[in-house]
Amino acid sequence: MSSNHTNSEYVQLMDAIYERYHKALDGYEFDFENEIEPFLEENKDLASNILNFETDARFHDGTREKASDELMELLMACHTSGFRERHFYEKYKFINLWLKHAKEEGLM
């Protein structure tokens, strides 16, 4: 898989997470079997795939693992308005920062 293709998948995923979280904030209640579970199944491999990215002086093993874990957390948390906005945006920014770094440095 090319890095551009991989990057576009991550961009699409982050957009979907953002949209789902705002939908939840607006009061939408996601159905687990029909909406949440399929979304998790479809996208959990992208979160796990971060563990396969190359590393560099800034994007080291610990950062790579944290980015993967935080993306997995957002995959689940984006479906509930109970997840604090501040935490959502902190995690969202963290993941986007490292995805951008990985793309620019050819680590994907």
PDB file of N, CA and C in Angstrom:
ATOM      1  N   MET A   1       0.843  -1.173   0.000  1.00  0.00           N
ATOM      2  CA  MET A   1       0.000   0.000   0.000  1.00  0.00           C
ATOM      3  C   MET A   1       0.887   1.235   0.000  1.00  0.00           C
ATOM      4  N   SER A   2       0.604   2.194  -0.852  1.00  0.00           N
ATOM      5  CA  SER A   2       1.427   3.396  -0.923  1.00  0.00           C
ATOM      6  C   SER A   2       1.143   4.311   0.254  1.00  0.00           C
ATOM      7  N   SER A   3       2.128   5.158   0.576  1.00  0.00           N
ATOM      8  CA  SER A   3       1.946   6.058   1.710  1.00  0.00           C
ATOM      9  C   SER A   3       0.824   7.054   1.445  1.00  0.00           C
ATOM     10  N   ASN A   4       0.642   7.494   0.194  1.00  0.00           N
ATOM     11  CA  ASN A   4      -0.443   8.413  -0.114  1.00  0.00           C
ATOM     12  C   ASN A   4      -1.796   7.759   0.132  1.00  0.00           C
ATOM     13  N   HIS A   5      -1.938   6.515  -0.317  1.00  0.00           N
ATOM     14  CA  HIS A   5      -3.185   5.790  -0.088  1.00  0.00           C
ATOM     15  C   HIS A   5      -3.430   5.639   1.403  1.00  0.00           C
ATOM     16  N   THR A   6      -2.414   5.253   2.149  1.00  0.00           N
ATOM     17  CA  THR A   6      -2.544   5.087   3.591  1.00  0.00           C
ATOM     18  C   THR A   6      -2.906   6.415   4.235  1.00  0.00           C
ATOM     19  N   ASN A   7      -2.236   7.486   3.817  1.00  0.00           N
ATOM     20  CA  ASN A   7      -2.532   8.787   4.398  1.00  0.00           C
ATOM     21  C   ASN A   7      -3.978   9.184   4.129  1.00  0.00           C
ATOM     22  N   SER A   8      -4.471   8.941   2.933  1.00  0.00           N
ATOM     23  CA  SER A   8      -5.851   9.321   2.627  1.00  0.00           C
ATOM     24  C   SER A   8      -6.840   8.522   3.474  1.00  0.00           C
ATOM     25  N   GLU A   9      -6.518   7.274   3.767  1.00  0.00           N
ATOM     26  CA  GLU A   9      -7.385   6.483   4.641  1.00  0.00           C
ATOM     27  C   GLU A   9      -7.435   7.082   6.039  1.00  0.00           C
ATOM     28  N   TYR A  10      -6.293   7.533   6.533  1.00  0.00           N
ATOM     29  CA  TYR A  10      -6.264   8.151   7.862  1.00  0.00           C
ATOM     30  C   TYR A  10      -7.005   9.484   7.870  1.00  0.00           C
ATOM     31  N   VAL A  11      -6.866  10.265   6.817  1.00  0.00           N
ATOM     32  CA  VAL A  11      -7.581  11.542   6.728  1.00  0.00           C
ATOM     33  C   VAL A  11      -9.084  11.287   6.735  1.00  0.00           C
ATOM     34  N   GLN A  12      -9.528  10.317   5.950  1.00  0.00           N
ATOM     35  CA  GLN A  12     -10.952   9.970   5.914  1.00  0.00           C
ATOM     36  C   GLN A  12     -11.442   9.484   7.272  1.00  0.00           C
ATOM     37  N   LEU A  13     -10.630   8.684   7.935  1.00  0.00           N
ATOM     38  CA  LEU A  13     -11.015   8.171   9.251  1.00  0.00           C
ATOM     39  C   LEU A  13     -11.129   9.308  10.260  1.00  0.00           C
ATOM     40  N   MET A  14     -10.158  10.199  10.280  1.00  0.00           N
ATOM     41  CA  MET A  14     -10.206  11.309  11.237  1.00  0.00           C
ATOM     42  C   MET A  14     -11.411  12.204  10.960  1.00  0.00           C
ATOM     43  N   ASP A  15     -11.754  12.408   9.690  1.00  0.00           N
ATOM     44  CA  ASP A  15     -12.952  13.170   9.341  1.00  0.00           C
ATOM     45  C   ASP A  15     -14.211  12.467   9.849  1.00  0.00           C
ATOM     46  N   ALA A  16     -14.269  11.156   9.689  1.00  0.00           N
ATOM     47  CA  ALA A  16     -15.437  10.387  10.144  1.00  0.00           C
ATOM     48  C   ALA A  16     -15.562  10.443  11.661  1.00  0.00           C
ATOM     49  N   ILE A  17     -14.440  10.342  12.365  1.00  0.00           N
ATOM     50  CA  ILE A  17     -14.455  10.431  13.832  1.00  0.00           C
ATOM     51  C   ILE A  17     -14.981  11.795  14.259  1.00  0.00           C
ATOM     52  N   TYR A  18     -14.500  12.844  13.637  1.00  0.00           N
ATOM     53  CA  TYR A  18     -14.926  14.206  13.956  1.00  0.00           C
ATOM     54  C   TYR A  18     -16.440  14.359  13.720  1.00  0.00           C
ATOM     55  N   GLU A  19     -16.908  13.885  12.566  1.00  0.00           N
ATOM     56  CA  GLU A  19     -18.333  13.987  12.240  1.00  0.00           C
ATOM     57  C   GLU A  19     -19.194  13.199  13.221  1.00  0.00           C
ATOM     58  N   ARG A  20     -18.768  11.997  13.558  1.00  0.00           N
ATOM     59  CA  ARG A  20     -19.543  11.177  14.490  1.00  0.00           C
ATOM     60  C   ARG A  20     -19.594  11.811  15.877  1.00  0.00           C
ATOM     61  N   TYR A  21     -18.486  12.365  16.324  1.00  0.00           N
ATOM     62  CA  TYR A  21     -18.477  12.991  17.645  1.00  0.00           C
ATOM     63  C   TYR A  21     -19.432  14.186  17.678  1.00  0.00           C
ATOM     64  N   HIS A  22     -19.419  14.996  16.646  1.00  0.00           N
ATOM     65  CA  HIS A  22     -20.313  16.147  16.624  1.00  0.00           C
ATOM     66  C   HIS A  22     -21.778  15.740  16.482  1.00  0.00           C
ATOM     67  N   LYS A  23     -22.003  14.657  15.800  1.00  0.00           N
ATOM     68  CA  LYS A  23     -23.356  14.115  15.707  1.00  0.00           C
ATOM     69  C   LYS A  23     -23.827  13.673  17.100  1.00  0.00           C
ATOM     70  N   ALA A  24     -22.945  13.028  17.855  1.00  0.00           N
ATOM     71  CA  ALA A  24     -23.276  12.614  19.225  1.00  0.00           C
ATOM     72  C   ALA A  24     -23.521  13.835  20.116  1.00  0.00           C
ATOM     73  N   LEU A  25     -22.698  14.864  19.961  1.00  0.00           N
ATOM     74  CA  LEU A  25     -22.890  16.087  20.748  1.00  0.00           C
ATOM     75  C   LEU A  25     -24.234  16.739  20.448  1.00  0.00           C
ATOM     76  N   ASP A  26     -24.705  16.585  19.212  1.00  0.00           N
ATOM     77  CA  ASP A  26     -25.997  17.150  18.815  1.00  0.00           C
ATOM     78  C   ASP A  26     -27.172  16.301  19.291  1.00  0.00           C
ATOM     79  N   GLY A  27     -26.882  15.195  19.994  1.00  0.00           N
ATOM     80  CA  GLY A  27     -27.940  14.393  20.590  1.00  0.00           C
ATOM     81  C   GLY A  27     -28.241  13.085  19.887  1.00  0.00           C
ATOM     82  N   TYR A  28     -27.547  12.796  18.802  1.00  0.00           N
ATOM     83  CA  TYR A  28     -27.788  11.538  18.098  1.00  0.00           C
ATOM     84  C   TYR A  28     -27.305  10.370  18.950  1.00  0.00           C
ATOM     85  N   GLU A  29     -28.103   9.319  19.032  1.00  0.00           N
ATOM     86  CA  GLU A  29     -27.713   8.118  19.757  1.00  0.00           C
ATOM     87  C   GLU A  29     -27.427   7.013  18.743  1.00  0.00           C
ATOM     88  N   PHE A  30     -26.165   6.600  18.699  1.00  0.00           N
ATOM     89  CA  PHE A  30     -25.734   5.571  17.756  1.00  0.00           C
ATOM     90  C   PHE A  30     -26.185   4.200  18.241  1.00  0.00           C
ATOM     91  N   ASP A  31     -26.608   3.371  17.300  1.00  0.00           N
ATOM     92  CA  ASP A  31     -26.972   1.992  17.582  1.00  0.00           C
ATOM     93  C   ASP A  31     -25.699   1.151  17.555  1.00  0.00           C
ATOM     94  N   PHE A  32     -25.463   0.389  18.614  1.00  0.00           N
ATOM     95  CA  PHE A  32     -24.212  -0.366  18.709  1.00  0.00           C
ATOM     96  C   PHE A  32     -24.065  -1.382  17.576  1.00  0.00           C
ATOM     97  N   GLU A  33     -25.074  -2.223  17.400  1.00  0.00           N
ATOM     98  CA  GLU A  33     -24.960  -3.307  16.416  1.00  0.00           C
ATOM     99  C   GLU A  33     -24.894  -2.818  14.972  1.00  0.00           C
ATOM    100  N   ASN A  34     -25.626  -1.770  14.670  1.00  0.00           N
ATOM    101  CA  ASN A  34     -25.726  -1.317  13.280  1.00  0.00           C
ATOM    102  C   ASN A  34     -24.769  -0.197  12.906  1.00  0.00           C
ATOM    103  N   GLU A  35     -24.262   0.551  13.887  1.00  0.00           N
ATOM    104  CA  GLU A  35     -23.418   1.697  13.566  1.00  0.00           C
ATOM    105  C   GLU A  35     -22.041   1.651  14.238  1.00  0.00           C
ATOM    106  N   ILE A  36     -22.013   1.388  15.531  1.00  0.00           N
ATOM    107  CA  ILE A  36     -20.739   1.450  16.261  1.00  0.00           C
ATOM    108  C   ILE A  36     -19.862   0.240  15.963  1.00  0.00           C
ATOM    109  N   GLU A  37     -20.421  -0.950  16.134  1.00  0.00           N
ATOM    110  CA  GLU A  37     -19.638  -2.163  15.926  1.00  0.00           C
ATOM    111  C   GLU A  37     -19.060  -2.267  14.510  1.00  0.00           C
ATOM    112  N   PRO A  38     -19.847  -2.011  13.463  1.00  0.00           N
ATOM    113  CA  PRO A  38     -19.270  -2.056  12.111  1.00  0.00           C
ATOM    114  C   PRO A  38     -18.169  -1.006  11.900  1.00  0.00           C
ATOM    115  N   PHE A  39     -18.342   0.184  12.481  1.00  0.00           N
ATOM    116  CA  PHE A  39     -17.336   1.237  12.373  1.00  0.00           C
ATOM    117  C   PHE A  39     -16.034   0.804  13.037  1.00  0.00           C
ATOM    118  N   LEU A  40     -16.132   0.198  14.213  1.00  0.00           N
ATOM    119  CA  LEU A  40     -14.944  -0.292  14.915  1.00  0.00           C
ATOM    120  C   LEU A  40     -14.262  -1.403  14.121  1.00  0.00           C
ATOM    121  N   GLU A  41     -15.033  -2.348  13.649  1.00  0.00           N
ATOM    122  CA  GLU A  41     -14.468  -3.470  12.883  1.00  0.00           C
ATOM    123  C   GLU A  41     -13.773  -2.993  11.612  1.00  0.00           C
ATOM    124  N   GLU A  42     -14.381  -2.015  10.964  1.00  0.00           N
ATOM    125  CA  GLU A  42     -13.846  -1.503   9.707  1.00  0.00           C
ATOM    126  C   GLU A  42     -12.550  -0.714   9.905  1.00  0.00           C
ATOM    127  N   ASN A  43     -12.389  -0.081  11.075  1.00  0.00           N
ATOM    128  CA  ASN A  43     -11.294   0.867  11.252  1.00  0.00           C
ATOM    129  C   ASN A  43     -10.244   0.513  12.297  1.00  0.00           C
ATOM    130  N   LYS A  44     -10.458  -0.532  13.073  1.00  0.00           N
ATOM    131  CA  LYS A  44      -9.487  -0.852  14.124  1.00  0.00           C
ATOM    132  C   LYS A  44      -8.120  -1.242  13.556  1.00  0.00           C
ATOM    133  N   ASP A  45      -8.108  -1.788  12.345  1.00  0.00           N
ATOM    134  CA  ASP A  45      -6.827  -2.148  11.725  1.00  0.00           C
ATOM    135  C   ASP A  45      -5.973  -0.919  11.417  1.00  0.00           C
ATOM    136  N   LEU A  46      -6.618   0.209  11.080  1.00  0.00           N
ATOM    137  CA  LEU A  46      -5.851   1.440  10.854  1.00  0.00           C
ATOM    138  C   LEU A  46      -5.175   1.899  12.137  1.00  0.00           C
ATOM    139  N   ALA A  47      -5.878   1.780  13.266  1.00  0.00           N
ATOM    140  CA  ALA A  47      -5.276   2.154  14.548  1.00  0.00           C
ATOM    141  C   ALA A  47      -4.103   1.229  14.864  1.00  0.00           C
ATOM    142  N   SER A  48      -4.289  -0.049  14.663  1.00  0.00           N
ATOM    143  CA  SER A  48      -3.222  -1.014  14.928  1.00  0.00           C
ATOM    144  C   SER A  48      -2.054  -0.849  13.964  1.00  0.00           C
ATOM    145  N   ASN A  49      -2.349  -0.450  12.726  1.00  0.00           N
ATOM    146  CA  ASN A  49      -1.313  -0.296  11.715  1.00  0.00           C
ATOM    147  C   ASN A  49      -0.290   0.775  12.083  1.00  0.00           C
ATOM    148  N   ILE A  50      -0.666   1.728  12.902  1.00  0.00           N
ATOM    149  CA  ILE A  50       0.285   2.766  13.331  1.00  0.00           C
ATOM    150  C   ILE A  50       1.502   2.112  13.995  1.00  0.00           C
ATOM    151  N   LEU A  51       1.294   0.989  14.639  1.00  0.00           N
ATOM    152  CA  LEU A  51       2.398   0.273  15.296  1.00  0.00           C
ATOM    153  C   LEU A  51       3.417  -0.246  14.286  1.00  0.00           C
ATOM    154  N   ASN A  52       3.052  -0.284  13.008  1.00  0.00           N
ATOM    155  CA  ASN A  52       3.964  -0.735  11.959  1.00  0.00           C
ATOM    156  C   ASN A  52       4.708   0.414  11.280  1.00  0.00           C
ATOM    157  N   PHE A  53       4.383   1.643  11.639  1.00  0.00           N
ATOM    158  CA  PHE A  53       5.083   2.791  11.055  1.00  0.00           C
ATOM    159  C   PHE A  53       6.549   2.741  11.482  1.00  0.00           C
ATOM    160  N   GLU A  54       7.416   3.248  10.625  1.00  0.00           N
ATOM    161  CA  GLU A  54       8.826   3.408  10.988  1.00  0.00           C
ATOM    162  C   GLU A  54       8.923   4.459  12.090  1.00  0.00           C
ATOM    163  N   THR A  55      10.053   4.509  12.762  1.00  0.00           N
ATOM    164  CA  THR A  55      10.252   5.507  13.811  1.00  0.00           C
ATOM    165  C   THR A  55      11.401   6.435  13.418  1.00  0.00           C
ATOM    166  N   ASP A  56      11.474   7.560  14.101  1.00  0.00           N
ATOM    167  CA  ASP A  56      12.604   8.471  13.961  1.00  0.00           C
ATOM    168  C   ASP A  56      12.875   9.086  15.332  1.00  0.00           C
ATOM    169  N   ALA A  57      13.711  10.101  15.380  1.00  0.00           N
ATOM    170  CA  ALA A  57      14.096  10.690  16.671  1.00  0.00           C
ATOM    171  C   ALA A  57      12.898  11.275  17.417  1.00  0.00           C
ATOM    172  N   ARG A  58      11.915  11.777  16.693  1.00  0.00           N
ATOM    173  CA  ARG A  58      10.738  12.370  17.332  1.00  0.00           C
ATOM    174  C   ARG A  58       9.599  11.376  17.493  1.00  0.00           C
ATOM    175  N   PHE A  59       9.367  10.571  16.468  1.00  0.00           N
ATOM    176  CA  PHE A  59       8.279   9.588  16.484  1.00  0.00           C
ATOM    177  C   PHE A  59       8.880   8.243  16.880  1.00  0.00           C
ATOM    178  N   HIS A  60       9.061   8.075  18.174  1.00  0.00           N
ATOM    179  CA  HIS A  60       9.705   6.869  18.684  1.00  0.00           C
ATOM    180  C   HIS A  60       8.654   5.838  19.107  1.00  0.00           C
ATOM    181  N   ASP A  61       9.119   4.716  19.626  1.00  0.00           N
ATOM    182  CA  ASP A  61       8.204   3.613  19.975  1.00  0.00           C
ATOM    183  C   ASP A  61       7.076   4.047  20.906  1.00  0.00           C
ATOM    184  N   GLY A  62       7.408   4.815  21.936  1.00  0.00           N
ATOM    185  CA  GLY A  62       6.388   5.247  22.899  1.00  0.00           C
ATOM    186  C   GLY A  62       5.334   6.130  22.265  1.00  0.00           C
ATOM    187  N   THR A  63       5.752   7.041  21.425  1.00  0.00           N
ATOM    188  CA  THR A  63       4.818   7.939  20.739  1.00  0.00           C
ATOM    189  C   THR A  63       3.957   7.155  19.753  1.00  0.00           C
ATOM    190  N   ARG A  64       4.576   6.239  19.053  1.00  0.00           N
ATOM    191  CA  ARG A  64       3.855   5.404  18.090  1.00  0.00           C
ATOM    192  C   ARG A  64       2.772   4.598  18.803  1.00  0.00           C
ATOM    193  N   GLU A  65       3.107   4.010  19.934  1.00  0.00           N
ATOM    194  CA  GLU A  65       2.136   3.219  20.692  1.00  0.00           C
ATOM    195  C   GLU A  65       1.008   4.100  21.232  1.00  0.00           C
ATOM    196  N   LYS A  66       1.368   5.276  21.731  1.00  0.00           N
ATOM    197  CA  LYS A  66       0.344   6.190  22.260  1.00  0.00           C
ATOM    198  C   LYS A  66      -0.597   6.647  21.152  1.00  0.00           C
ATOM    199  N   ALA A  67      -0.066   6.961  19.984  1.00  0.00           N
ATOM    200  CA  ALA A  67      -0.912   7.383  18.864  1.00  0.00           C
ATOM    201  C   ALA A  67      -1.899   6.271  18.485  1.00  0.00           C
ATOM    202  N   SER A  68      -1.426   5.042  18.453  1.00  0.00           N
ATOM    203  CA  SER A  68      -2.296   3.908  18.144  1.00  0.00           C
ATOM    204  C   SER A  68      -3.381   3.749  19.208  1.00  0.00           C
ATOM    205  N   ASP A  69      -2.990   3.792  20.466  1.00  0.00           N
ATOM    206  CA  ASP A  69      -3.951   3.648  21.570  1.00  0.00           C
ATOM    207  C   ASP A  69      -4.993   4.758  21.567  1.00  0.00           C
ATOM    208  N   GLU A  70      -4.540   5.982  21.334  1.00  0.00           N
ATOM    209  CA  GLU A  70      -5.464   7.112  21.371  1.00  0.00           C
ATOM    210  C   GLU A  70      -6.420   7.076  20.184  1.00  0.00           C
ATOM    211  N   LEU A  71      -5.956   6.621  19.034  1.00  0.00           N
ATOM    212  CA  LEU A  71      -6.857   6.484  17.906  1.00  0.00           C
ATOM    213  C   LEU A  71      -7.903   5.410  18.198  1.00  0.00           C
ATOM    214  N   MET A  72      -7.487   4.315  18.797  1.00  0.00           N
ATOM    215  CA  MET A  72      -8.444   3.263  19.160  1.00  0.00           C
ATOM    216  C   MET A  72      -9.482   3.807  20.148  1.00  0.00           C
ATOM    217  N   GLU A  73      -9.021   4.616  21.106  1.00  0.00           N
ATOM    218  CA  GLU A  73      -9.950   5.207  22.070  1.00  0.00           C
ATOM    219  C   GLU A  73     -10.951   6.128  21.366  1.00  0.00           C
ATOM    220  N   LEU A  74     -10.486   6.945  20.438  1.00  0.00           N
ATOM    221  CA  LEU A  74     -11.397   7.846  19.722  1.00  0.00           C
ATOM    222  C   LEU A  74     -12.385   7.086  18.850  1.00  0.00           C
ATOM    223  N   LEU A  75     -11.964   5.934  18.318  1.00  0.00           N
ATOM    224  CA  LEU A  75     -12.884   5.120  17.522  1.00  0.00           C
ATOM    225  C   LEU A  75     -14.113   4.741  18.336  1.00  0.00           C
ATOM    226  N   MET A  76     -13.913   4.532  19.619  1.00  0.00           N
ATOM    227  CA  MET A  76     -15.032   4.168  20.484  1.00  0.00           C
ATOM    228  C   MET A  76     -15.728   5.403  21.050  1.00  0.00           C
ATOM    229  N   ALA A  77     -14.942   6.363  21.525  1.00  0.00           N
ATOM    230  CA  ALA A  77     -15.487   7.515  22.245  1.00  0.00           C
ATOM    231  C   ALA A  77     -16.249   8.491  21.352  1.00  0.00           C
ATOM    232  N   CYS A  78     -16.001   8.478  20.060  1.00  0.00           N
ATOM    233  CA  CYS A  78     -16.654   9.450  19.177  1.00  0.00           C
ATOM    234  C   CYS A  78     -18.160   9.230  19.065  1.00  0.00           C
ATOM    235  N   HIS A  79     -18.653   8.163  19.640  1.00  0.00           N
ATOM    236  CA  HIS A  79     -20.073   7.838  19.543  1.00  0.00           C
ATOM    237  C   HIS A  79     -20.883   8.296  20.745  1.00  0.00           C
ATOM    238  N   THR A  80     -20.254   8.985  21.687  1.00  0.00           N
ATOM    239  CA  THR A  80     -20.969   9.401  22.880  1.00  0.00           C
ATOM    240  C   THR A  80     -20.698  10.864  23.213  1.00  0.00           C
ATOM    241  N   SER A  81     -21.735  11.550  23.611  1.00  0.00           N
ATOM    242  CA  SER A  81     -21.574  12.948  24.012  1.00  0.00           C
ATOM    243  C   SER A  81     -20.956  13.043  25.403  1.00  0.00           C
ATOM    244  N   GLY A  82     -20.874  11.920  26.102  1.00  0.00           N
ATOM    245  CA  GLY A  82     -20.304  11.896  27.442  1.00  0.00           C
ATOM    246  C   GLY A  82     -18.792  12.041  27.467  1.00  0.00           C
ATOM    247  N   PHE A  83     -18.159  11.889  26.320  1.00  0.00           N
ATOM    248  CA  PHE A  83     -16.706  12.051  26.239  1.00  0.00           C
ATOM    249  C   PHE A  83     -16.422  13.546  26.187  1.00  0.00           C
ATOM    250  N   ARG A  84     -15.661  14.027  27.156  1.00  0.00           N
ATOM    251  CA  ARG A  84     -15.433  15.469  27.289  1.00  0.00           C
ATOM    252  C   ARG A  84     -14.776  16.052  26.042  1.00  0.00           C
ATOM    253  N   GLU A  85     -15.301  17.202  25.634  1.00  0.00           N
ATOM    254  CA  GLU A  85     -14.796  17.857  24.423  1.00  0.00           C
ATOM    255  C   GLU A  85     -13.306  18.154  24.505  1.00  0.00           C
ATOM    256  N   ARG A  86     -12.862  18.631  25.653  1.00  0.00           N
ATOM    257  CA  ARG A  86     -11.449  18.950  25.799  1.00  0.00           C
ATOM    258  C   ARG A  86     -10.588  17.728  25.547  1.00  0.00           C
ATOM    259  N   HIS A  87     -10.976  16.583  26.092  1.00  0.00           N
ATOM    260  CA  HIS A  87     -10.220  15.349  25.883  1.00  0.00           C
ATOM    261  C   HIS A  87     -10.283  14.912  24.425  1.00  0.00           C
ATOM    262  N   PHE A  88     -11.455  15.049  23.827  1.00  0.00           N
ATOM    263  CA  PHE A  88     -11.596  14.682  22.418  1.00  0.00           C
ATOM    264  C   PHE A  88     -10.614  15.486  21.567  1.00  0.00           C
ATOM    265  N   TYR A  89     -10.628  16.799  21.749  1.00  0.00           N
ATOM    266  CA  TYR A  89      -9.783  17.651  20.906  1.00  0.00           C
ATOM    267  C   TYR A  89      -8.299  17.462  21.189  1.00  0.00           C
ATOM    268  N   GLU A  90      -7.930  17.184  22.429  1.00  0.00           N
ATOM    269  CA  GLU A  90      -6.521  16.903  22.741  1.00  0.00           C
ATOM    270  C   GLU A  90      -6.055  15.654  22.007  1.00  0.00           C
ATOM    271  N   LYS A  91      -6.841  14.606  22.080  1.00  0.00           N
ATOM    272  CA  LYS A  91      -6.482  13.345  21.427  1.00  0.00           C
ATOM    273  C   LYS A  91      -6.525  13.489  19.907  1.00  0.00           C
ATOM    274  N   TYR A  92      -7.525  14.182  19.419  1.00  0.00           N
ATOM    275  CA  TYR A  92      -7.679  14.400  17.986  1.00  0.00           C
ATOM    276  C   TYR A  92      -6.467  15.160  17.430  1.00  0.00           C
ATOM    277  N   LYS A  93      -6.056  16.219  18.103  1.00  0.00           N
ATOM    278  CA  LYS A  93      -4.894  16.997  17.670  1.00  0.00           C
ATOM    279  C   LYS A  93      -3.613  16.177  17.745  1.00  0.00           C
ATOM    280  N   PHE A  94      -3.446  15.406  18.823  1.00  0.00           N
ATOM    281  CA  PHE A  94      -2.261  14.577  19.003  1.00  0.00           C
ATOM    282  C   PHE A  94      -2.120  13.586  17.847  1.00  0.00           C
ATOM    283  N   ILE A  95      -3.195  12.900  17.532  1.00  0.00           N
ATOM    284  CA  ILE A  95      -3.160  11.904  16.457  1.00  0.00           C
ATOM    285  C   ILE A  95      -2.868  12.576  15.116  1.00  0.00           C
ATOM    286  N   ASN A  96      -3.562  13.657  14.835  1.00  0.00           N
ATOM    287  CA  ASN A  96      -3.335  14.361  13.563  1.00  0.00           C
ATOM    288  C   ASN A  96      -1.907  14.865  13.437  1.00  0.00           C
ATOM    289  N   LEU A  97      -1.335  15.366  14.529  1.00  0.00           N
ATOM    290  CA  LEU A  97       0.046  15.841  14.513  1.00  0.00           C
ATOM    291  C   LEU A  97       0.998  14.735  14.094  1.00  0.00           C
ATOM    292  N   TRP A  98       0.845  13.555  14.695  1.00  0.00           N
ATOM    293  CA  TRP A  98       1.772  12.455  14.404  1.00  0.00           C
ATOM    294  C   TRP A  98       1.496  11.802  13.064  1.00  0.00           C
ATOM    295  N   LEU A  99       0.245  11.792  12.625  1.00  0.00           N
ATOM    296  CA  LEU A  99      -0.041  11.283  11.284  1.00  0.00           C
ATOM    297  C   LEU A  99       0.595  12.194  10.235  1.00  0.00           C
ATOM    298  N   LYS A 100       0.502  13.497  10.446  1.00  0.00           N
ATOM    299  CA  LYS A 100       1.127  14.447   9.529  1.00  0.00           C
ATOM    300  C   LYS A 100       2.648  14.267   9.527  1.00  0.00           C
ATOM    301  N   HIS A 101       3.238  14.121  10.712  1.00  0.00           N
ATOM    302  CA  HIS A 101       4.681  13.916  10.817  1.00  0.00           C
ATOM    303  C   HIS A 101       5.097  12.629  10.091  1.00  0.00           C
ATOM    304  N   ALA A 102       4.363  11.548  10.326  1.00  0.00           N
ATOM    305  CA  ALA A 102       4.690  10.264   9.695  1.00  0.00           C
ATOM    306  C   ALA A 102       4.618  10.373   8.175  1.00  0.00           C
ATOM    307  N   LYS A 103       3.618  11.082   7.667  1.00  0.00           N
ATOM    308  CA  LYS A 103       3.502  11.262   6.216  1.00  0.00           C
ATOM    309  C   LYS A 103       4.673  12.087   5.688  1.00  0.00           C
ATOM    310  N   GLU A 104       4.938  13.218   6.319  1.00  0.00           N
ATOM    311  CA  GLU A 104       5.997  14.106   5.834  1.00  0.00           C
ATOM    312  C   GLU A 104       7.383  13.463   5.891  1.00  0.00           C
ATOM    313  N   GLU A 105       7.607  12.605   6.873  1.00  0.00           N
ATOM    314  CA  GLU A 105       8.922  11.981   7.044  1.00  0.00           C
ATOM    315  C   GLU A 105       9.012  10.617   6.360  1.00  0.00           C
ATOM    316  N   GLY A 106       7.939  10.194   5.696  1.00  0.00           N
ATOM    317  CA  GLY A 106       7.960   8.911   4.990  1.00  0.00           C
ATOM    318  C   GLY A 106       7.970   7.714   5.923  1.00  0.00           C
ATOM    319  N   LEU A 107       7.331   7.828   7.081  1.00  0.00           N
ATOM    320  CA  LEU A 107       7.339   6.751   8.078  1.00  0.00           C
ATOM    321  C   LEU A 107       6.170   5.789   7.914  1.00  0.00           C
ATOM    322  N   MET A 108       5.183   6.175   7.125  1.00  0.00           N
ATOM    323  CA  MET A 108       3.984   5.320   6.950  1.00  0.00           C
ATOM    324  C   MET A 108       4.322   4.133   6.064  1.00  0.00           C
TER     325      MET A 108
END
